Amino acid sequence: MSVTVYSTPTCGYCNAAKRFLRDRHVRFREIDVSRDARAEAEIARKTGKHSVPVIDVNGRLFVGFDPRRLAAALGVRS
């Protein structure tokens, strides 16, 4: 399973999403879009939005942090 979290250090929902993943032992890659303009442009192009978090689960993009939807996509408890 491939999970990438596009986030910024000051985003509360981003931090909650990362904590959610860590608590469920889900390995993920983190990309700080405040430091990576290419990644920021990529998620804006793919989602049509300029907001974080964006969570990529095997190519399926989730904009924002919805624990139930994310848990269902990952096959973990919410």
C-alpha atoms as a PDB file:
ATOM      1  CA  MET A   1       0.000   0.000   0.000  1.00  0.00           C
ATOM      2  CA  SER A   2       1.248   3.445  -0.906  1.00  0.00           C
ATOM      3  CA  VAL A   3       0.169   6.407   1.248  1.00  0.00           C
ATOM      4  CA  THR A   4       1.377   9.986   0.815  1.00  0.00           C
ATOM      5  CA  VAL A   5       0.279  12.925   2.931  1.00  0.00           C
ATOM      6  CA  TYR A   6       0.640  16.384   1.407  1.00  0.00           C
ATOM      7  CA  SER A   7       0.657  18.831   4.285  1.00  0.00           C
ATOM      8  CA  THR A   8       2.119  21.918   5.946  1.00  0.00           C
ATOM      9  CA  PRO A   9       3.636  22.113   9.432  1.00  0.00           C
ATOM     10  CA  THR A  10       0.979  24.511  10.766  1.00  0.00           C
ATOM     11  CA  CYS A  11      -2.095  22.644   9.482  1.00  0.00           C
ATOM     12  CA  GLY A  12      -4.056  21.136  12.365  1.00  0.00           C
ATOM     13  CA  TYR A  13      -5.983  18.715  10.146  1.00  0.00           C
ATOM     14  CA  CYS A  14      -2.716  17.597   8.560  1.00  0.00           C
ATOM     15  CA  ASN A  15      -1.270  16.819  11.977  1.00  0.00           C
ATOM     16  CA  ALA A  16      -4.444  14.969  12.970  1.00  0.00           C
ATOM     17  CA  ALA A  17      -4.303  12.884   9.779  1.00  0.00           C
ATOM     18  CA  LYS A  18      -0.656  11.955  10.363  1.00  0.00           C
ATOM     19  CA  ARG A  19      -1.398  11.048  13.993  1.00  0.00           C
ATOM     20  CA  PHE A  20      -4.351   8.920  12.786  1.00  0.00           C
ATOM     21  CA  LEU A  21      -2.058   7.023  10.408  1.00  0.00           C
ATOM     22  CA  ARG A  22       0.720   6.573  12.973  1.00  0.00           C
ATOM     23  CA  ASP A  23      -1.742   5.332  15.618  1.00  0.00           C
ATOM     24  CA  ARG A  24      -2.865   2.642  13.172  1.00  0.00           C
ATOM     25  CA  HIS A  25       0.694   1.758  12.137  1.00  0.00           C
ATOM     26  CA  VAL A  26       0.138   2.872   8.552  1.00  0.00           C
ATOM     27  CA  ARG A  27       3.401   3.782   6.868  1.00  0.00           C
ATOM     28  CA  PHE A  28       3.240   6.966   4.842  1.00  0.00           C
ATOM     29  CA  ARG A  29       5.390   9.446   3.027  1.00  0.00           C
ATOM     30  CA  GLU A  30       4.986  13.088   3.992  1.00  0.00           C
ATOM     31  CA  ILE A  31       5.444  15.973   1.579  1.00  0.00           C
ATOM     32  CA  ASP A  32       5.529  19.503   2.991  1.00  0.00           C
ATOM     33  CA  VAL A  33       3.968  21.612   0.236  1.00  0.00           C
ATOM     34  CA  SER A  34       5.134  24.810   1.926  1.00  0.00           C
ATOM     35  CA  ARG A  35       8.663  23.739   0.948  1.00  0.00           C
ATOM     36  CA  ASP A  36       7.919  21.933  -2.311  1.00  0.00           C
ATOM     37  CA  ALA A  37       6.286  24.165  -4.918  1.00  0.00           C
ATOM     38  CA  ARG A  38       6.182  21.375  -7.497  1.00  0.00           C
ATOM     39  CA  ALA A  39       4.217  19.114  -5.139  1.00  0.00           C
ATOM     40  CA  GLU A  40       1.861  21.974  -4.296  1.00  0.00           C
ATOM     41  CA  ALA A  41       1.216  22.586  -8.007  1.00  0.00           C
ATOM     42  CA  GLU A  42       0.733  18.849  -8.587  1.00  0.00           C
ATOM     43  CA  ILE A  43      -1.969  18.436  -5.947  1.00  0.00           C
ATOM     44  CA  ALA A  44      -3.692  21.630  -7.093  1.00  0.00           C
ATOM     45  CA  ARG A  45      -3.747  20.278 -10.649  1.00  0.00           C
ATOM     46  CA  LYS A  46      -5.038  16.863  -9.549  1.00  0.00           C
ATOM     47  CA  THR A  47      -7.666  18.103  -7.085  1.00  0.00           C
ATOM     48  CA  GLY A  48      -8.505  21.575  -8.336  1.00  0.00           C
ATOM     49  CA  LYS A  49      -7.914  22.856  -4.807  1.00  0.00           C
ATOM     50  CA  HIS A  50      -5.148  24.676  -2.962  1.00  0.00           C
ATOM     51  CA  SER A  51      -5.751  23.145   0.441  1.00  0.00           C
ATOM     52  CA  VAL A  52      -4.193  20.525   2.685  1.00  0.00           C
ATOM     53  CA  PRO A  53      -4.178  17.846   3.765  1.00  0.00           C
ATOM     54  CA  VAL A  54      -4.368  15.846   0.596  1.00  0.00           C
ATOM     55  CA  ILE A  55      -3.920  12.144   1.248  1.00  0.00           C
ATOM     56  CA  ASP A  56      -3.059   9.817  -1.596  1.00  0.00           C
ATOM     57  CA  VAL A  57      -3.946   6.175  -0.921  1.00  0.00           C
ATOM     58  CA  ASN A  58      -2.832   4.038  -3.856  1.00  0.00           C
ATOM     59  CA  GLY A  59      -3.645   6.861  -6.272  1.00  0.00           C
ATOM     60  CA  ARG A  60      -7.014   7.709  -4.713  1.00  0.00           C
ATOM     61  CA  LEU A  61      -6.967  11.300  -3.444  1.00  0.00           C
ATOM     62  CA  PHE A  62      -8.702  12.515  -0.300  1.00  0.00           C
ATOM     63  CA  VAL A  63      -8.881  16.279   0.210  1.00  0.00           C
ATOM     64  CA  GLY A  64      -9.192  17.146   3.880  1.00  0.00           C
ATOM     65  CA  PHE A  65      -9.223  14.726   6.784  1.00  0.00           C
ATOM     66  CA  ASP A  66     -12.249  12.465   7.094  1.00  0.00           C
ATOM     67  CA  PRO A  67     -11.281   9.635   9.466  1.00  0.00           C
ATOM     68  CA  ARG A  68     -14.134   7.317   8.406  1.00  0.00           C
ATOM     69  CA  ARG A  69     -13.459   7.601   4.672  1.00  0.00           C
ATOM     70  CA  LEU A  70      -9.727   7.267   5.206  1.00  0.00           C
ATOM     71  CA  ALA A  71     -10.142   4.231   7.466  1.00  0.00           C
ATOM     72  CA  ALA A  72     -12.394   2.558   4.892  1.00  0.00           C
ATOM     73  CA  ALA A  73      -9.848   3.177   2.129  1.00  0.00           C
ATOM     74  CA  LEU A  74      -7.053   1.782   4.294  1.00  0.00           C
ATOM     75  CA  GLY A  75      -9.007  -1.127   5.756  1.00  0.00           C
ATOM     76  CA  VAL A  76      -8.326  -0.022   9.349  1.00  0.00           C
ATOM     77  CA  ARG A  77     -10.530   0.950  12.249  1.00  0.00           C
ATOM     78  CA  SER A  78     -11.741   4.531  12.401  1.00  0.00           C
END
